Amino acid sequence: MPIIQKKILTTGQDVFIENALKYLLRCKTNCCDWIVENYQKIRSEYMKSMLCLVLGFRGDASMIDFLIEEAKRFEREYPDETYDQGVALAVQELSVRFLN
């Protein structure tokens, strides 16, 4: 896990990002706390968007405010990109699980 976590912070390779997402969604260890603690250190905006999906599917209701703020940031800073879609899906997943 430490090798994957180190690469998460620095990589920009799409294939790694997508494989890391699959791994983090399925691994026994819930990495949500690590993601939140290290989120600002992550260099790739695409990686951040994908990690928001992990927070949505493996996190708890306390992540909703953070994810909403991230969705706003992605919309504001990257209006021509689709980074906000991962975050929107994560918020939707959390709201269905915890607010209904």
N, C-alpha and C. Protein backbone atom coordinates (compact mmCIF):
# COMPACT_ATOMS: atom_id res chain seq x y z
N MET A 1 0.81 -1.20 0.00
CA MET A 1 0.00 0.00 0.00
C MET A 1 0.85 1.27 0.00
N PRO A 2 1.96 1.34 0.74
CA PRO A 2 2.77 2.57 0.73
C PRO A 2 3.27 2.97 -0.66
N ILE A 3 3.60 1.99 -1.49
CA ILE A 3 4.07 2.31 -2.84
C ILE A 3 2.94 2.93 -3.66
N ILE A 4 1.75 2.38 -3.55
CA ILE A 4 0.59 2.93 -4.27
C ILE A 4 0.28 4.33 -3.76
N GLN A 5 0.30 4.52 -2.46
CA GLN A 5 0.01 5.83 -1.89
C GLN A 5 1.02 6.87 -2.36
N LYS A 6 2.29 6.50 -2.41
CA LYS A 6 3.33 7.45 -2.87
C LYS A 6 3.09 7.84 -4.32
N LYS A 7 2.76 6.87 -5.14
CA LYS A 7 2.52 7.16 -6.56
C LYS A 7 1.24 7.97 -6.76
N ILE A 8 0.24 7.76 -5.92
CA ILE A 8 -1.00 8.54 -6.00
C ILE A 8 -0.69 10.03 -5.87
N LEU A 9 0.24 10.36 -5.02
CA LEU A 9 0.58 11.77 -4.78
C LEU A 9 1.24 12.42 -5.98
N THR A 10 1.94 11.64 -6.81
CA THR A 10 2.77 12.24 -7.84
C THR A 10 2.41 11.92 -9.28
N THR A 11 1.66 10.88 -9.53
CA THR A 11 1.45 10.43 -10.92
C THR A 11 0.44 11.28 -11.67
N GLY A 12 0.60 11.27 -12.98
CA GLY A 12 -0.37 11.89 -13.86
C GLY A 12 -0.79 10.92 -14.95
N GLN A 13 -0.39 9.67 -14.82
CA GLN A 13 -0.69 8.66 -15.83
C GLN A 13 -2.12 8.15 -15.64
N ASP A 14 -2.92 8.33 -16.67
CA ASP A 14 -4.33 7.93 -16.59
C ASP A 14 -4.51 6.46 -16.26
N VAL A 15 -3.70 5.60 -16.85
CA VAL A 15 -3.88 4.17 -16.61
C VAL A 15 -3.61 3.83 -15.14
N PHE A 16 -2.62 4.46 -14.53
CA PHE A 16 -2.38 4.22 -13.11
C PHE A 16 -3.54 4.75 -12.28
N ILE A 17 -4.00 5.94 -12.60
CA ILE A 17 -5.09 6.56 -11.86
C ILE A 17 -6.33 5.66 -11.87
N GLU A 18 -6.67 5.14 -13.02
CA GLU A 18 -7.85 4.28 -13.13
C GLU A 18 -7.66 2.96 -12.39
N ASN A 19 -6.46 2.40 -12.45
CA ASN A 19 -6.19 1.16 -11.71
C ASN A 19 -6.15 1.40 -10.21
N ALA A 20 -5.61 2.54 -9.79
CA ALA A 20 -5.59 2.88 -8.37
C ALA A 20 -7.02 3.04 -7.85
N LEU A 21 -7.89 3.65 -8.66
CA LEU A 21 -9.29 3.79 -8.28
C LEU A 21 -9.92 2.42 -8.04
N LYS A 22 -9.74 1.51 -8.97
CA LYS A 22 -10.29 0.17 -8.81
C LYS A 22 -9.75 -0.51 -7.56
N TYR A 23 -8.46 -0.37 -7.33
CA TYR A 23 -7.84 -0.99 -6.17
C TYR A 23 -8.42 -0.41 -4.87
N LEU A 24 -8.47 0.92 -4.77
CA LEU A 24 -8.94 1.56 -3.54
C LEU A 24 -10.42 1.28 -3.27
N LEU A 25 -11.20 1.07 -4.31
CA LEU A 25 -12.61 0.75 -4.12
C LEU A 25 -12.81 -0.67 -3.62
N ARG A 26 -11.86 -1.56 -3.90
CA ARG A 26 -12.03 -2.97 -3.56
C ARG A 26 -11.16 -3.48 -2.43
N CYS A 27 -10.12 -2.76 -2.06
CA CYS A 27 -9.19 -3.28 -1.05
C CYS A 27 -9.86 -3.36 0.33
N LYS A 28 -9.31 -4.20 1.17
CA LYS A 28 -9.86 -4.39 2.52
C LYS A 28 -9.70 -3.14 3.37
N THR A 29 -8.61 -2.43 3.18
CA THR A 29 -8.33 -1.23 3.95
C THR A 29 -9.12 -0.05 3.40
N ASN A 30 -9.85 0.62 4.26
CA ASN A 30 -10.56 1.83 3.86
C ASN A 30 -9.57 3.00 3.93
N CYS A 31 -9.27 3.59 2.80
CA CYS A 31 -8.24 4.63 2.70
C CYS A 31 -8.80 6.05 2.78
N CYS A 32 -10.06 6.20 3.15
CA CYS A 32 -10.68 7.53 3.15
C CYS A 32 -9.93 8.52 4.03
N ASP A 33 -9.53 8.10 5.22
CA ASP A 33 -8.79 9.01 6.10
C ASP A 33 -7.47 9.44 5.47
N TRP A 34 -6.77 8.49 4.85
CA TRP A 34 -5.50 8.82 4.19
C TRP A 34 -5.74 9.79 3.04
N ILE A 35 -6.80 9.56 2.26
CA ILE A 35 -7.11 10.45 1.13
C ILE A 35 -7.35 11.87 1.63
N VAL A 36 -8.18 12.03 2.65
CA VAL A 36 -8.49 13.37 3.17
C VAL A 36 -7.23 14.04 3.72
N GLU A 37 -6.41 13.30 4.43
CA GLU A 37 -5.18 13.85 5.02
C GLU A 37 -4.19 14.30 3.95
N ASN A 38 -4.14 13.62 2.82
CA ASN A 38 -3.13 13.88 1.80
C ASN A 38 -3.67 14.54 0.54
N TYR A 39 -4.93 14.88 0.54
CA TYR A 39 -5.60 15.38 -0.66
C TYR A 39 -4.89 16.59 -1.28
N GLN A 40 -4.48 17.54 -0.48
CA GLN A 40 -3.86 18.75 -1.01
C GLN A 40 -2.47 18.49 -1.60
N LYS A 41 -1.86 17.38 -1.26
CA LYS A 41 -0.54 17.04 -1.79
C LYS A 41 -0.60 16.39 -3.16
N ILE A 42 -1.78 15.96 -3.58
CA ILE A 42 -1.93 15.24 -4.85
C ILE A 42 -1.80 16.24 -6.00
N ARG A 43 -0.95 15.91 -6.96
CA ARG A 43 -0.65 16.82 -8.06
C ARG A 43 -1.67 16.80 -9.18
N SER A 44 -2.27 15.66 -9.44
CA SER A 44 -3.17 15.50 -10.58
C SER A 44 -4.62 15.79 -10.18
N GLU A 45 -5.23 16.70 -10.92
CA GLU A 45 -6.64 17.01 -10.67
C GLU A 45 -7.53 15.83 -11.05
N TYR A 46 -7.13 15.10 -12.06
CA TYR A 46 -7.89 13.89 -12.44
C TYR A 46 -7.83 12.87 -11.30
N MET A 47 -6.67 12.71 -10.70
CA MET A 47 -6.54 11.79 -9.56
C MET A 47 -7.44 12.26 -8.42
N LYS A 48 -7.45 13.55 -8.15
CA LYS A 48 -8.30 14.07 -7.08
C LYS A 48 -9.77 13.75 -7.36
N SER A 49 -10.19 13.93 -8.61
CA SER A 49 -11.57 13.64 -8.97
C SER A 49 -11.90 12.16 -8.73
N MET A 50 -10.99 11.30 -9.12
CA MET A 50 -11.21 9.86 -8.94
C MET A 50 -11.19 9.48 -7.46
N LEU A 51 -10.35 10.10 -6.68
CA LEU A 51 -10.32 9.82 -5.25
C LEU A 51 -11.60 10.29 -4.56
N CYS A 52 -12.21 11.32 -5.10
CA CYS A 52 -13.51 11.74 -4.57
C CYS A 52 -14.54 10.62 -4.73
N LEU A 53 -14.42 9.86 -5.81
CA LEU A 53 -15.31 8.70 -5.98
C LEU A 53 -15.10 7.69 -4.85
N VAL A 54 -13.86 7.47 -4.48
CA VAL A 54 -13.58 6.56 -3.37
C VAL A 54 -14.23 7.07 -2.10
N LEU A 55 -14.12 8.38 -1.86
CA LEU A 55 -14.75 8.97 -0.67
C LEU A 55 -16.27 8.79 -0.71
N GLY A 56 -16.84 8.87 -1.89
CA GLY A 56 -18.28 8.72 -2.03
C GLY A 56 -18.76 7.30 -1.80
N PHE A 57 -18.00 6.35 -2.26
CA PHE A 57 -18.42 4.96 -2.16
C PHE A 57 -17.94 4.26 -0.89
N ARG A 58 -16.87 4.76 -0.28
CA ARG A 58 -16.36 4.09 0.92
C ARG A 58 -16.39 4.98 2.15
N GLY A 59 -16.71 6.26 1.97
CA GLY A 59 -16.71 7.19 3.09
C GLY A 59 -18.05 7.24 3.81
N ASP A 60 -18.16 8.22 4.69
CA ASP A 60 -19.40 8.39 5.43
C ASP A 60 -19.96 9.79 5.18
N ALA A 61 -21.05 10.10 5.85
CA ALA A 61 -21.76 11.36 5.61
C ALA A 61 -20.90 12.58 5.90
N SER A 62 -19.89 12.45 6.71
CA SER A 62 -19.03 13.59 7.03
C SER A 62 -18.25 14.08 5.81
N MET A 63 -18.20 13.30 4.76
CA MET A 63 -17.47 13.67 3.54
C MET A 63 -18.29 14.58 2.62
N ILE A 64 -19.59 14.68 2.84
CA ILE A 64 -20.46 15.41 1.92
C ILE A 64 -20.06 16.87 1.76
N ASP A 65 -19.82 17.57 2.86
CA ASP A 65 -19.44 18.99 2.76
C ASP A 65 -18.14 19.17 1.98
N PHE A 66 -17.15 18.33 2.26
CA PHE A 66 -15.88 18.40 1.54
C PHE A 66 -16.11 18.18 0.05
N LEU A 67 -16.91 17.19 -0.30
CA LEU A 67 -17.14 16.87 -1.70
C LEU A 67 -17.91 17.98 -2.42
N ILE A 68 -18.86 18.58 -1.75
CA ILE A 68 -19.60 19.69 -2.36
C ILE A 68 -18.66 20.86 -2.66
N GLU A 69 -17.78 21.16 -1.72
CA GLU A 69 -16.80 22.23 -1.95
C GLU A 69 -15.86 21.89 -3.11
N GLU A 70 -15.46 20.64 -3.20
CA GLU A 70 -14.61 20.21 -4.32
C GLU A 70 -15.35 20.32 -5.63
N ALA A 71 -16.61 19.96 -5.67
CA ALA A 71 -17.39 20.08 -6.90
C ALA A 71 -17.45 21.53 -7.36
N LYS A 72 -17.66 22.44 -6.42
CA LYS A 72 -17.69 23.87 -6.74
C LYS A 72 -16.33 24.33 -7.27
N ARG A 73 -15.25 23.86 -6.64
CA ARG A 73 -13.91 24.24 -7.06
C ARG A 73 -13.63 23.74 -8.48
N PHE A 74 -13.96 22.49 -8.74
CA PHE A 74 -13.73 21.95 -10.08
C PHE A 74 -14.54 22.72 -11.12
N GLU A 75 -15.77 23.04 -10.82
CA GLU A 75 -16.60 23.80 -11.76
C GLU A 75 -16.01 25.19 -12.03
N ARG A 76 -15.52 25.82 -10.97
CA ARG A 76 -14.96 27.16 -11.07
C ARG A 76 -13.61 27.16 -11.79
N GLU A 77 -12.72 26.27 -11.41
CA GLU A 77 -11.36 26.28 -11.94
C GLU A 77 -11.20 25.54 -13.27
N TYR A 78 -12.08 24.61 -13.55
CA TYR A 78 -11.97 23.80 -14.77
C TYR A 78 -13.33 23.71 -15.48
N PRO A 79 -13.85 24.83 -15.94
CA PRO A 79 -15.19 24.81 -16.53
C PRO A 79 -15.29 23.99 -17.82
N ASP A 80 -14.18 23.78 -18.51
CA ASP A 80 -14.21 23.04 -19.76
C ASP A 80 -13.82 21.57 -19.59
N GLU A 81 -13.57 21.15 -18.38
CA GLU A 81 -13.20 19.76 -18.09
C GLU A 81 -14.39 19.04 -17.43
N THR A 82 -14.22 17.77 -17.19
CA THR A 82 -15.30 16.98 -16.58
C THR A 82 -14.91 16.47 -15.19
N TYR A 83 -13.95 17.10 -14.55
CA TYR A 83 -13.50 16.66 -13.23
C TYR A 83 -14.62 16.64 -12.21
N ASP A 84 -15.57 17.54 -12.34
CA ASP A 84 -16.65 17.64 -11.35
C ASP A 84 -17.62 16.46 -11.42
N GLN A 85 -17.61 15.68 -12.48
CA GLN A 85 -18.54 14.56 -12.61
C GLN A 85 -18.29 13.47 -11.56
N GLY A 86 -17.02 13.16 -11.30
CA GLY A 86 -16.70 12.17 -10.28
C GLY A 86 -17.17 12.62 -8.91
N VAL A 87 -16.97 13.88 -8.64
CA VAL A 87 -17.36 14.44 -7.34
C VAL A 87 -18.88 14.44 -7.21
N ALA A 88 -19.58 14.81 -8.27
CA ALA A 88 -21.04 14.83 -8.23
C ALA A 88 -21.59 13.43 -7.98
N LEU A 89 -21.01 12.44 -8.61
CA LEU A 89 -21.44 11.06 -8.38
C LEU A 89 -21.17 10.64 -6.94
N ALA A 90 -20.05 11.05 -6.39
CA ALA A 90 -19.71 10.72 -5.00
C ALA A 90 -20.72 11.33 -4.03
N VAL A 91 -21.08 12.58 -4.25
CA VAL A 91 -22.08 13.25 -3.39
C VAL A 91 -23.42 12.54 -3.51
N GLN A 92 -23.80 12.17 -4.71
CA GLN A 92 -25.06 11.46 -4.93
C GLN A 92 -25.06 10.14 -4.16
N GLU A 93 -23.98 9.38 -4.25
CA GLU A 93 -23.89 8.10 -3.57
C GLU A 93 -24.01 8.27 -2.05
N LEU A 94 -23.29 9.24 -1.49
CA LEU A 94 -23.37 9.47 -0.04
C LEU A 94 -24.76 9.92 0.37
N SER A 95 -25.37 10.80 -0.41
CA SER A 95 -26.70 11.29 -0.03
C SER A 95 -27.74 10.18 -0.06
N VAL A 96 -27.62 9.27 -1.00
CA VAL A 96 -28.56 8.13 -1.07
C VAL A 96 -28.36 7.23 0.13
N ARG A 97 -27.11 6.97 0.48
CA ARG A 97 -26.84 6.04 1.59
C ARG A 97 -27.14 6.64 2.96
N PHE A 98 -26.91 7.94 3.15
CA PHE A 98 -26.99 8.50 4.50
C PHE A 98 -28.10 9.50 4.74
N LEU A 99 -28.63 10.11 3.71
CA LEU A 99 -29.62 11.16 3.93
C LEU A 99 -31.04 10.73 3.59
N ASN A 100 -31.22 9.54 3.13
CA ASN A 100 -32.59 9.07 2.83
C ASN A 100 -33.12 8.18 3.91
